[in-house]
Protein backbone atom coordinates (compact mmCIF):
# COMPACT_ATOMS: atom_id res chain seq x y z
CA MET A 1 -20.79 -0.79 4.85
CA THR A 2 -20.34 2.66 6.59
CA ASN A 3 -22.88 5.78 5.62
CA ARG A 4 -21.33 8.57 4.36
CA PRO A 5 -22.68 10.98 2.01
CA GLY A 6 -22.34 10.14 -1.75
CA MET A 7 -22.83 10.63 -5.57
CA LEU A 8 -21.10 13.94 -7.08
CA LEU A 9 -22.27 12.82 -10.46
CA ALA A 10 -24.50 9.53 -11.72
CA VAL A 11 -23.30 7.53 -13.58
CA GLY A 12 -25.39 4.23 -15.55
CA VAL A 13 -23.83 0.89 -15.00
CA THR A 14 -23.58 -1.81 -17.49
CA VAL A 15 -24.09 -5.67 -16.48
CA ALA A 16 -20.57 -7.80 -17.55
CA GLY A 17 -21.97 -11.67 -18.39
CA LEU A 18 -22.12 -13.68 -15.26
CA VAL A 19 -19.90 -16.26 -14.99
CA THR A 20 -21.03 -19.56 -13.62
CA ALA A 21 -19.24 -20.28 -9.90
CA ALA A 22 -16.00 -22.06 -10.73
CA PRO A 23 -15.78 -25.76 -9.89
CA THR A 24 -14.28 -26.54 -6.13
CA THR A 25 -12.34 -29.35 -6.60
CA ALA A 26 -8.27 -29.06 -6.48
CA THR A 27 -6.56 -29.30 -9.42
CA ALA A 28 -4.35 -32.32 -10.09
CA ASP A 29 -1.13 -30.66 -9.71
CA THR A 30 -2.06 -28.80 -6.28
CA ALA A 31 -3.37 -30.38 -3.04
CA PRO A 32 -6.41 -29.04 -1.85
CA LEU A 33 -6.14 -26.85 1.06
CA ALA A 34 -7.00 -27.70 4.38
CA TRP A 35 -8.77 -24.82 5.93
CA LYS A 36 -8.55 -24.79 10.14
CA ASP A 37 -10.31 -22.44 12.36
CA CYS A 38 -8.31 -19.37 13.45
CA ALA A 39 -11.12 -17.14 14.48
CA THR A 40 -10.53 -13.92 15.96
CA LYS A 41 -12.95 -11.77 18.16
CA SER A 42 -12.77 -9.31 14.90
CA TYR A 43 -13.37 -12.31 12.52
CA PRO A 44 -15.13 -15.24 14.24
CA THR A 45 -15.33 -17.24 10.86
CA LEU A 46 -11.51 -16.83 9.88
CA GLN A 47 -10.12 -19.94 8.54
CA CYS A 48 -6.33 -20.05 8.19
CA ALA A 49 -4.16 -22.71 5.80
CA THR A 50 -0.81 -22.91 3.91
CA VAL A 51 -0.14 -23.54 0.37
CA ARG A 52 3.29 -24.85 -1.17
CA SER A 53 4.54 -22.63 -3.96
CA PRO A 54 7.64 -23.42 -6.27
CA LEU A 55 10.67 -21.22 -5.09
CA ASP A 56 11.38 -20.79 -8.90
CA HIS A 57 8.29 -21.25 -11.19
CA ASP A 58 10.58 -22.57 -14.18
CA ASP A 59 11.57 -25.34 -11.80
CA PRO A 60 8.28 -26.59 -10.50
CA ALA A 61 9.38 -29.58 -8.91
CA GLY A 62 12.29 -27.82 -7.14
CA ARG A 63 12.45 -25.98 -3.66
CA LYS A 64 9.06 -24.75 -2.50
CA VAL A 65 8.13 -21.47 -0.27
CA THR A 66 5.48 -22.01 1.81
CA LEU A 67 2.46 -19.27 2.20
CA ALA A 68 0.23 -18.36 4.85
CA LEU A 69 -3.74 -17.98 3.56
CA THR A 70 -6.56 -17.16 5.53
CA ARG A 71 -10.22 -17.15 4.53
CA VAL A 72 -13.74 -16.22 5.64
CA PRO A 73 -15.89 -18.66 3.88
CA HIS A 74 -18.99 -18.38 1.70
CA THR A 75 -22.33 -18.62 3.18
CA SER A 76 -24.58 -18.21 0.03
CA LYS A 77 -25.74 -21.26 -2.09
CA THR A 78 -24.33 -18.66 -4.86
CA LEU A 79 -20.64 -19.33 -4.84
CA GLN A 80 -18.95 -16.61 -7.25
CA GLY A 81 -15.51 -18.64 -5.95
CA PRO A 82 -12.25 -17.00 -4.57
CA LEU A 83 -11.68 -13.40 -4.02
CA LEU A 84 -7.79 -13.13 -3.01
CA VAL A 85 -7.30 -9.71 -1.48
CA ASN A 86 -4.15 -7.62 -1.17
CA PRO A 87 -2.91 -4.83 0.88
CA GLY A 88 -0.02 -3.63 -0.94
CA GLY A 89 3.27 -3.33 -0.24
CA PRO A 90 5.61 -4.83 -1.29
CA GLY A 91 6.17 -6.56 1.90
CA GLY A 92 2.42 -5.80 3.26
CA SER A 93 0.88 -8.63 5.13
CA GLY A 94 -2.78 -9.71 3.89
CA LEU A 95 -3.85 -12.34 6.47
CA SER A 96 -6.15 -9.51 8.21
CA MET A 97 -7.35 -8.40 5.25
CA ALA A 98 -9.59 -11.27 4.69
CA GLY A 99 -11.50 -10.45 7.78
CA PHE A 100 -11.52 -6.95 6.57
CA VAL A 101 -12.98 -6.85 3.21
CA ALA A 102 -15.95 -9.67 4.40
CA ALA A 103 -16.91 -7.58 6.74
CA SER A 104 -16.99 -4.24 5.14
CA LEU A 105 -18.73 -5.39 1.87
CA PRO A 106 -22.26 -6.07 2.24
CA LYS A 107 -23.42 -9.45 3.98
CA GLU A 108 -25.22 -10.28 0.60
CA VAL A 109 -22.03 -9.72 -1.47
CA ALA A 110 -19.31 -10.84 0.68
CA ALA A 111 -21.89 -13.99 1.29
CA GLN A 112 -20.74 -15.45 -2.37
CA TYR A 113 -17.43 -15.29 -2.23
CA ASP A 114 -14.47 -17.38 -0.38
CA VAL A 115 -12.76 -14.15 0.63
CA ILE A 116 -8.72 -14.99 0.65
CA GLY A 117 -6.02 -13.23 2.34
CA PHE A 118 -2.29 -13.89 2.02
CA ASP A 119 1.07 -13.37 3.10
CA PRO A 120 3.03 -13.09 0.17
CA ARG A 121 6.70 -14.80 -0.51
CA GLY A 122 8.93 -13.79 2.23
CA VAL A 123 6.20 -12.08 4.28
CA GLY A 124 4.86 -12.32 7.58
CA LYS A 125 4.01 -16.06 8.72
CA SER A 126 4.92 -17.06 5.06
CA ARG A 127 8.16 -19.07 4.94
CA PRO A 128 10.82 -18.26 4.76
CA ALA A 129 10.22 -14.86 5.75
CA LEU A 130 13.17 -12.22 5.15
CA ASP A 131 14.64 -10.09 7.88
CA CYS A 132 17.55 -8.66 6.38
CA LEU A 133 19.44 -6.62 9.09
CA PRO A 134 17.24 -6.51 12.51
CA GLY A 135 17.35 -2.92 14.38
CA TYR A 136 17.74 -1.21 10.83
CA PHE A 137 14.85 1.35 11.63
CA ASP A 138 15.81 1.81 15.48
CA PRO A 139 15.62 4.99 16.72
CA VAL A 140 17.49 7.74 16.18
CA ARG A 141 18.64 7.41 12.83
CA PRO A 142 20.79 9.62 11.10
CA ASP A 143 18.91 12.52 9.49
CA PRO A 144 17.79 11.75 6.06
CA VAL A 145 18.95 15.42 4.79
CA PRO A 146 22.39 15.54 4.32
CA GLN A 147 24.41 18.56 5.99
CA SER A 148 27.49 17.42 4.57
CA LEU A 149 29.40 14.66 2.27
CA GLY A 150 30.03 13.30 5.38
CA SER A 151 26.46 12.72 6.64
CA GLU A 152 25.54 11.93 3.02
CA ARG A 153 28.11 9.16 3.35
CA VAL A 154 26.90 7.86 6.74
CA ASN A 155 23.46 6.87 5.30
CA ARG A 156 25.25 5.99 2.00
CA ASN A 157 26.89 3.21 4.12
CA ARG A 158 23.74 2.42 6.08
CA ALA A 159 22.06 1.51 2.84
CA ARG A 160 25.14 -0.38 1.71
CA ASP A 161 25.29 -2.34 4.83
CA PHE A 162 21.64 -3.38 4.18
CA ALA A 163 21.96 -4.60 0.79
CA ALA A 164 24.89 -6.51 1.81
CA ALA A 165 23.33 -8.27 4.68
CA CYS A 166 20.32 -9.26 2.50
CA GLY A 167 22.95 -10.82 0.08
CA GLU A 168 24.60 -12.42 2.45
CA ARG A 169 21.39 -14.07 4.44
CA TYR A 170 19.16 -15.03 1.55
CA PRO A 171 21.77 -15.37 -1.40
CA ASP A 172 18.98 -18.39 -2.78
CA LEU A 173 15.98 -16.36 -2.08
CA LEU A 174 16.50 -13.03 -3.76
CA PRO A 175 16.52 -13.99 -7.18
CA TYR A 176 12.83 -15.28 -6.66
CA MET A 177 11.75 -12.15 -5.10
CA ASP A 178 10.08 -10.34 -7.82
CA THR A 179 6.44 -9.18 -8.49
CA VAL A 180 6.03 -12.05 -11.45
CA SER A 181 7.03 -14.81 -9.18
CA VAL A 182 4.47 -13.47 -6.71
CA ALA A 183 1.50 -13.12 -9.30
CA LYS A 184 2.28 -16.94 -10.38
CA ASP A 185 2.02 -17.71 -6.61
CA LEU A 186 -1.19 -16.15 -7.09
CA ASP A 187 -2.17 -18.81 -9.74
CA VAL A 188 -0.71 -21.45 -7.30
CA ILE A 189 -3.42 -20.60 -4.52
CA ARG A 190 -6.20 -20.39 -7.45
CA ARG A 191 -5.39 -23.57 -8.34
CA ALA A 192 -5.30 -25.00 -4.72
CA THR A 193 -8.78 -23.45 -4.26
CA GLY A 194 -10.00 -25.73 -6.95
CA ALA A 195 -11.23 -22.75 -9.09
CA ARG A 196 -10.79 -22.47 -12.86
CA GLN A 197 -10.60 -18.70 -12.56
CA LEU A 198 -9.63 -16.15 -9.95
CA ASN A 199 -11.33 -12.92 -8.53
CA TYR A 200 -8.74 -10.04 -6.96
CA PHE A 201 -9.23 -6.91 -5.18
CA GLY A 202 -5.97 -5.32 -4.21
CA TYR A 203 -4.63 -1.89 -2.91
CA SER A 204 -1.62 0.24 -3.94
CA TYR A 205 1.19 -2.16 -5.09
CA GLY A 206 -1.93 -4.73 -4.93
CA THR A 207 -2.74 -3.06 -8.36
CA TYR A 208 0.36 -3.81 -9.68
CA LEU A 209 0.29 -7.17 -8.94
CA GLY A 210 -2.97 -7.68 -9.70
CA ALA A 211 -2.19 -6.14 -13.24
CA VAL A 212 0.79 -8.18 -14.01
CA TYR A 213 -1.66 -11.34 -13.13
CA ALA A 214 -3.93 -10.52 -15.67
CA LYS A 215 -1.00 -10.00 -17.81
CA LEU A 216 0.45 -13.62 -17.30
CA PHE A 217 -3.08 -15.36 -16.89
CA PRO A 218 -5.63 -13.44 -18.90
CA ASP A 219 -7.92 -16.26 -19.18
CA ARG A 220 -7.83 -17.05 -15.34
CA VAL A 221 -9.47 -13.17 -14.59
CA ARG A 222 -12.95 -13.17 -13.82
CA ARG A 223 -13.29 -10.15 -11.94
CA LEU A 224 -10.49 -7.84 -11.09
CA VAL A 225 -10.97 -4.69 -8.73
CA LEU A 226 -7.86 -1.84 -8.32
CA ASP A 227 -7.82 0.78 -5.87
CA SER A 228 -5.05 3.46 -5.94
CA ASN A 229 -3.03 2.51 -8.69
CA VAL A 230 0.69 2.38 -9.18
CA ASP A 231 1.89 3.65 -12.76
CA PRO A 232 2.95 0.71 -14.57
CA ASP A 233 5.46 2.95 -16.76
CA GLY A 234 7.42 4.26 -13.88
CA VAL A 235 8.38 1.09 -11.65
CA TRP A 236 10.02 1.75 -9.54
CA TYR A 237 12.47 4.60 -9.60
CA ASP A 238 10.14 7.30 -11.65
CA ASP A 239 7.14 6.23 -9.63
CA ASN A 240 9.14 7.11 -6.02
CA LEU A 241 9.72 10.33 -7.60
CA ALA A 242 6.51 11.11 -8.28
CA GLN A 243 5.53 10.63 -5.03
CA ASP A 244 7.83 12.97 -3.49
CA TYR A 245 6.44 15.74 -5.15
CA ALA A 246 2.69 14.15 -4.20
CA PHE A 247 3.17 13.92 -0.68
CA ASP A 248 4.99 17.51 -0.48
CA THR A 249 1.68 18.82 -1.93
CA ARG A 250 -0.35 16.54 0.74
CA HIS A 251 1.56 18.06 3.67
CA LYS A 252 1.15 21.31 2.81
CA ALA A 253 -2.86 20.57 2.41
CA PHE A 254 -2.23 19.01 6.61
CA ALA A 255 -0.60 22.72 7.15
CA ALA A 256 -3.48 24.41 5.67
CA TRP A 257 -5.85 22.22 7.80
CA VAL A 258 -4.49 23.21 10.85
CA ALA A 259 -4.34 27.02 10.14
CA LYS A 260 -7.84 26.69 9.16
CA TYR A 261 -8.31 25.52 12.76
CA ASP A 262 -6.26 27.92 14.70
CA GLY A 263 -8.51 28.62 17.31
CA THR A 264 -7.84 24.94 18.02
CA TYR A 265 -4.24 24.52 17.55
CA HIS A 266 -2.72 28.02 17.98
CA LEU A 267 -0.20 27.61 15.51
CA GLY A 268 -0.94 30.49 13.47
CA SER A 269 -3.71 31.02 10.42
CA ASP A 270 -1.42 31.28 7.61
CA PRO A 271 -0.31 27.84 5.92
CA ALA A 272 3.16 28.79 4.88
CA LYS A 273 3.83 30.01 8.60
CA VAL A 274 2.38 26.69 10.06
CA GLU A 275 4.49 24.52 7.76
CA ALA A 276 7.55 26.99 8.73
CA ALA A 277 6.97 25.86 12.19
CA TRP A 278 6.67 22.41 11.24
CA TYR A 279 10.15 22.84 9.65
CA ARG A 280 11.38 24.93 13.10
CA MET A 281 10.03 21.53 14.88
CA ARG A 282 12.05 19.15 12.74
CA ASP A 283 15.32 21.42 13.51
CA ALA A 284 14.68 20.99 17.27
CA VAL A 285 14.21 17.39 17.34
CA LYS A 286 16.80 16.95 14.93
CA LYS A 287 19.05 18.52 17.67
CA ARG A 288 17.49 16.91 20.82
CA PRO A 289 15.09 14.06 20.19
CA ALA A 290 12.00 13.93 21.38
CA GLY A 291 11.54 11.57 24.35
CA ASP A 292 15.04 10.49 23.39
CA LYS A 293 13.59 8.47 19.99
CA VAL A 294 11.97 10.91 17.86
CA GLY A 295 14.58 12.80 15.31
CA ALA A 296 14.26 14.49 12.18
CA GLY A 297 13.77 11.15 10.31
CA GLU A 298 11.27 9.61 13.13
CA LEU A 299 9.25 12.99 13.10
CA ASP A 300 9.14 12.72 9.04
CA ASP A 301 7.89 9.09 9.28
CA THR A 302 5.25 10.21 12.14
CA PHE A 303 3.57 12.87 9.77
CA LEU A 304 3.94 10.69 6.54
CA PRO A 305 0.71 8.52 7.24
CA GLY A 306 -0.98 11.93 7.23
CA GLY A 307 -0.04 11.75 3.78
CA TYR A 308 -1.92 8.89 3.14
CA TYR A 309 -5.01 9.21 5.21
CA ASN A 310 -6.20 12.63 6.72
CA GLY A 311 -8.14 10.97 9.46
CA TYR A 312 -4.96 11.47 11.15
CA TRP A 313 -4.38 15.02 10.71
CA PRO A 314 -6.45 15.73 14.55
CA VAL A 315 -3.97 13.27 16.79
CA LEU A 316 -0.54 14.53 14.30
CA ALA A 317 -2.14 18.28 14.92
CA GLU A 318 -2.32 17.87 18.63
CA ALA A 319 0.95 16.30 18.88
CA PHE A 320 2.63 19.15 16.87
CA ALA A 321 0.74 21.71 18.60
CA ALA A 322 1.71 20.38 21.99
CA TYR A 323 5.12 20.25 21.05
CA VAL A 324 5.37 23.54 20.01
CA ASN A 325 3.03 25.45 21.98
CA ASP A 326 3.51 23.73 25.45
CA LYS A 327 6.81 22.18 25.12
CA ASP A 328 5.08 18.75 25.81
CA GLU A 329 7.16 15.56 24.19
CA LYS A 330 4.77 12.99 24.85
CA PRO A 331 2.12 13.57 22.37
CA LEU A 332 4.84 13.62 19.85
CA THR A 333 6.32 10.44 20.98
CA GLU A 334 3.36 8.54 21.38
CA ALA A 335 2.15 9.66 17.84
CA PHE A 336 5.68 7.86 17.06
CA GLU A 337 4.71 4.94 18.45
CA ARG A 338 1.76 4.59 16.76
CA PHE A 339 2.28 5.53 13.38
CA ALA A 340 5.63 4.95 12.85
CA ALA A 341 7.73 2.61 15.39
CA VAL A 342 8.84 -0.58 13.81
CA ASP A 343 6.18 -3.35 14.46
CA THR A 344 7.08 -6.77 15.54
CA ASP A 345 7.64 -7.79 12.40
CA GLY A 346 11.37 -6.41 12.66
CA ASP A 347 12.61 -5.02 9.23
CA ASN A 348 10.36 -7.95 7.72
CA GLY A 349 8.13 -5.66 5.66
CA TYR A 350 11.03 -3.22 4.18
CA ALA A 351 12.89 -6.31 3.88
CA VAL A 352 10.63 -7.41 1.54
CA TYR A 353 9.83 -4.23 0.19
CA THR A 354 13.44 -4.07 -0.94
CA ALA A 355 14.11 -7.44 -2.38
CA VAL A 356 10.92 -6.96 -4.98
CA GLN A 357 11.60 -3.63 -5.96
CA CYS A 358 15.00 -3.65 -6.51
CA ARG A 359 14.76 -6.73 -8.44
CA ASP A 360 11.53 -5.99 -10.38
CA ALA A 361 13.26 -2.91 -12.22
CA SER A 362 16.57 -1.39 -12.73
CA TRP A 363 17.59 1.37 -10.89
CA PRO A 364 20.34 3.84 -11.11
CA ARG A 365 23.59 2.20 -10.02
CA ASP A 366 25.53 5.78 -10.29
CA TRP A 367 25.13 7.18 -6.94
CA ASN A 368 25.48 10.86 -8.48
CA VAL A 369 21.93 10.10 -10.45
CA TRP A 370 20.38 9.66 -6.96
CA ARG A 371 22.41 12.78 -5.23
CA SER A 372 21.20 14.74 -8.25
CA ASP A 373 17.74 13.72 -8.19
CA ALA A 374 17.21 14.01 -4.69
CA TRP A 375 18.92 17.65 -4.35
CA ARG A 376 16.45 18.75 -7.28
CA VAL A 377 13.28 17.48 -5.90
CA HIS A 378 14.00 18.49 -2.48
CA GLY A 379 14.32 21.78 -3.66
CA LYS A 380 10.88 22.16 -4.61
CA ALA A 381 9.26 19.35 -2.29
CA PRO A 382 11.34 18.89 0.66
CA PHE A 383 8.95 17.25 2.44
CA MET A 384 10.20 13.38 2.00
CA ALA A 385 12.84 13.48 -1.21
CA TRP A 386 15.93 12.71 0.75
CA GLY A 387 13.40 9.99 3.09
CA ASN A 388 12.26 8.43 0.35
CA THR A 389 15.78 8.34 -1.28
CA TRP A 390 17.46 6.95 1.44
CA TYR A 391 14.52 4.01 1.92
CA ASN A 392 15.14 2.86 -1.76
CA ALA A 393 18.92 3.39 -1.58
CA PRO A 394 19.80 -0.18 -1.15
CA CYS A 395 18.87 -0.83 -4.55
CA ALA A 396 21.51 1.30 -5.68
CA ASP A 397 23.72 -1.82 -4.69
CA TRP A 398 21.39 -4.66 -4.95
CA PRO A 399 23.27 -8.15 -4.75
CA VAL A 400 20.77 -9.56 -7.67
CA GLU A 401 20.57 -7.96 -11.10
CA PRO A 402 17.49 -6.74 -12.05
CA LEU A 403 14.72 -8.02 -14.02
CA ASN A 404 13.08 -5.99 -17.04
CA PRO A 405 9.75 -4.71 -15.73
CA VAL A 406 6.46 -6.51 -17.03
CA ARG A 407 4.75 -4.49 -19.79
CA VAL A 408 1.47 -4.47 -18.33
CA SER A 409 -1.34 -4.13 -21.16
CA ASN A 410 -4.45 -5.94 -21.95
CA HIS A 411 -7.44 -6.19 -24.18
CA LYS A 412 -8.37 -9.60 -23.68
CA LEU A 413 -9.76 -9.69 -19.84
CA PRO A 414 -12.95 -8.97 -18.81
CA PRO A 415 -14.48 -5.48 -17.68
CA VAL A 416 -11.96 -4.34 -14.92
CA LEU A 417 -12.92 -1.77 -12.35
CA LEU A 418 -10.29 1.15 -11.38
CA PHE A 419 -10.72 3.32 -8.52
CA GLN A 420 -8.55 6.62 -8.02
CA ALA A 421 -8.56 9.87 -6.00
CA THR A 422 -7.71 12.76 -7.76
CA ASP A 423 -4.96 13.75 -5.13
CA ASP A 424 -3.51 10.48 -3.78
CA ALA A 425 0.15 10.82 -3.01
CA ALA A 426 1.06 7.75 -2.65
CA THR A 427 0.07 6.50 -6.22
CA PRO A 428 -0.63 9.59 -7.99
CA TYR A 429 -4.10 10.34 -10.30
CA GLU A 430 -1.78 10.20 -13.27
CA GLY A 431 -1.08 5.97 -12.78
CA GLY A 432 -4.77 5.55 -12.63
CA VAL A 433 -5.36 7.08 -15.81
CA THR A 434 -2.13 5.40 -17.27
CA LEU A 435 -3.40 1.35 -16.41
CA HIS A 436 -6.97 2.41 -17.37
CA ARG A 437 -5.84 2.93 -20.77
CA LYS A 438 -3.31 0.01 -21.06
CA LEU A 439 -5.93 -2.19 -19.76
CA ARG A 440 -9.02 -2.06 -22.63
CA GLY A 441 -12.73 -2.03 -21.46
CA SER A 442 -11.44 -1.32 -18.13
CA ARG A 443 -13.72 1.33 -16.13
CA LEU A 444 -12.23 4.22 -13.94
CA VAL A 445 -14.30 5.67 -11.06
CA VAL A 446 -12.63 8.75 -9.56
CA GLU A 447 -13.09 10.45 -6.08
CA GLN A 448 -12.77 14.03 -7.27
CA GLY A 449 -10.67 16.27 -5.05
CA GLY A 450 -9.95 12.86 -2.70
CA ALA A 451 -6.54 12.66 -1.26
CA ASN A 452 -6.46 9.52 0.55
CA HIS A 453 -4.68 6.39 -0.38
CA GLY A 454 -7.17 2.74 -0.71
CA ILE A 455 -10.71 4.79 -1.11
CA THR A 456 -13.31 1.97 -1.28
CA LEU A 457 -14.65 0.50 2.00
CA SER A 458 -13.45 3.76 3.87
CA GLY A 459 -16.71 5.50 4.10
CA ASN A 460 -17.66 6.81 0.37
CA ASP A 461 -20.75 5.17 -0.43
CA CYS A 462 -21.06 6.04 -3.71
CA LEU A 463 -17.39 4.63 -4.20
CA ASP A 464 -18.72 1.29 -2.50
CA ARG A 465 -21.77 1.11 -4.31
CA TYR A 466 -19.58 0.60 -7.41
CA LEU A 467 -17.40 -1.60 -5.62
CA ALA A 468 -20.41 -3.77 -4.64
CA ASP A 469 -22.52 -3.94 -8.09
CA TYR A 470 -19.38 -5.00 -9.80
CA LEU A 471 -18.86 -7.94 -7.05
CA ALA A 472 -22.48 -8.66 -6.60
CA LYS A 473 -23.16 -8.80 -10.58
CA GLY A 474 -20.30 -7.82 -12.69
CA ALA A 475 -21.74 -4.38 -13.50
CA VAL A 476 -19.42 -1.69 -14.38
CA PRO A 477 -19.86 1.82 -15.24
CA ARG A 478 -21.00 2.94 -18.76
CA ALA A 479 -18.21 3.90 -20.82
CA GLY A 480 -17.55 7.82 -20.39
CA ARG A 481 -16.15 10.27 -22.40
CA GLY A 482 -12.30 10.46 -21.74
CA ASP A 483 -10.41 8.79 -19.28
CA VAL A 484 -13.16 8.83 -16.48
CA ASP A 485 -16.34 6.59 -16.66
CA ALA A 486 -17.49 7.58 -13.31
CA VAL A 487 -17.04 10.24 -10.53
CA CYS A 488 -17.76 10.20 -6.68
CA ALA A 489 -17.35 13.42 -4.38
CA LYS A 490 -14.79 13.01 -2.04
CA THR A 491 -15.32 12.22 1.72
CA PRO A 492 -15.02 15.51 4.05
CA ASP A 493 -12.03 16.05 5.64
CA PRO A 494 -11.89 15.65 9.49
CA GLU A 495 -12.69 18.27 12.36
CA PRO A 496 -10.14 18.52 15.45
CA GLU A 497 -10.81 16.06 18.15
CA THR A 498 -9.28 15.57 21.53
CA THR A 499 -7.06 12.75 22.00
CA LYS A 500 -9.50 10.82 23.90
CA SER A 501 -12.41 11.51 21.07
CA ALA A 502 -13.12 8.42 18.84
CA ARG A 503 -10.25 7.97 16.43
CA PRO A 504 -9.80 6.67 13.04
CA ALA A 505 -9.94 2.85 12.83
CA SER A 506 -6.85 1.67 11.12
CA ARG A 507 -6.91 -0.02 7.52
CA PRO A 508 -5.41 -3.29 7.25
CA ASP A 509 -2.68 -1.85 5.11
CA GLY A 510 0.67 -0.86 5.73
CA ASP A 511 0.64 2.35 4.20
CA ARG A 512 -2.06 4.01 6.67
CA GLY A 513 -2.29 1.47 9.57
CA SER A 514 1.55 2.56 10.95
CA ALA A 515 3.77 3.30 7.50
CA LEU A 516 5.51 0.45 8.99
CA HIS A 517 8.84 1.64 9.23
CA GLY A 518 7.45 5.22 8.45
CA LEU A 519 9.16 6.31 4.97
CA LEU A 520 7.31 5.07 2.30
CA GLY A 521 7.54 2.98 -0.92
CA PHE A 522 4.13 1.67 -2.06
CA ARG A 523 3.34 0.33 1.09
CA GLY A 524 -0.08 -0.27 0.47
């Protein structure tokens, strides 16, 4: 683990009873996994396998989907079973996360688990993989903020076309692209490992997936770690509105940070004036896209990852300053390519995102509701209100009827460990509190003043000690008063650096690595 300062408030721990390691023989209804070496330079012990899962879990003998898996196998004589890890999304690939988690945990802890990553149904190397409308995010897209009813109609038609394309290409798959189906896939993976119970560690959307699994299979949960928690009462329309306000606050925090270092960036020492300069830059690239690829929407995409992870602020500030002060577009286009350009997955991540969120819960079908909410939020929080609206707009015309959301709650679980930053934008703090209340006996560890998304295994030793103790011994903080059981100080904000300086390592989550298609959702 990395070494950074620590504890704001020391809180004692209690130890949940240790559970005997799960058996390793596959169950009768699931074939054993055939692991093969697929080592990389970064993860030399990585193995790969696939497992078949019912497309429709109510028809287990019917059509199957293939799920791609990775594993870093245990090396200790003490085996605590499989630890399934998920980086979020929906739509995030988890294949690299097994190696990341195994390498980031203390060696003696990781050695006790088979750390397993997976591509959920429809994602990445799982088959079939969704790709509804290739080129949907190619630059330069129309400005997300409509200047007229005509420009609004352009984006509205784009969203309709995406929904229609998904329905035309995957009519047999879309009814089974939902969080409940993915949670049941987790249990198929568990059975294929031969384990009686599952250990699970999820970020962002992965917290909702873990909570849904716990609701469906409470007796199958051994240890459950949920980091940066989705508010289960807001899936998904209300949660996205809450994000709009929170990300605008983080964008203002970025402007304040740039103002603090006016001696480096020369954009002014008044945060409000720095923010105004950013919006003038946005107006400029809307009229003439930087490098013929960064228009207004692409600029939003480029700076959005700074709301997930402030380690990106120095690079973003350099690009901002170069454009404004030196009329140099190259750093801005380079930042776009690094943080916001569509990856080699085409629109796979976004296709799965929409397929799952549009199916999971009801969205307004009356476009007037969307328009009214977008303008209302934009008036107070303009940074991404309209961009996020269009990101989710296919759900207004989704070709499959929505399900009723799972009512997440449980008092039959072993102690669950939750982590939450107080100023997280992607999954605002209230979601962590809500989930803590619904999972009785859970413990909530808070990073006070922290604003990054996905806070464990990111350099905060205080948080990582709680994580390691829980995975090693089942230890959790003693129950606190109110909603918080333990508090850690936040990691320090970054300082300016040149583009040639060492840069923060990308985490294996869609949000902070590149924001994939750059807009949002719960790509964590």
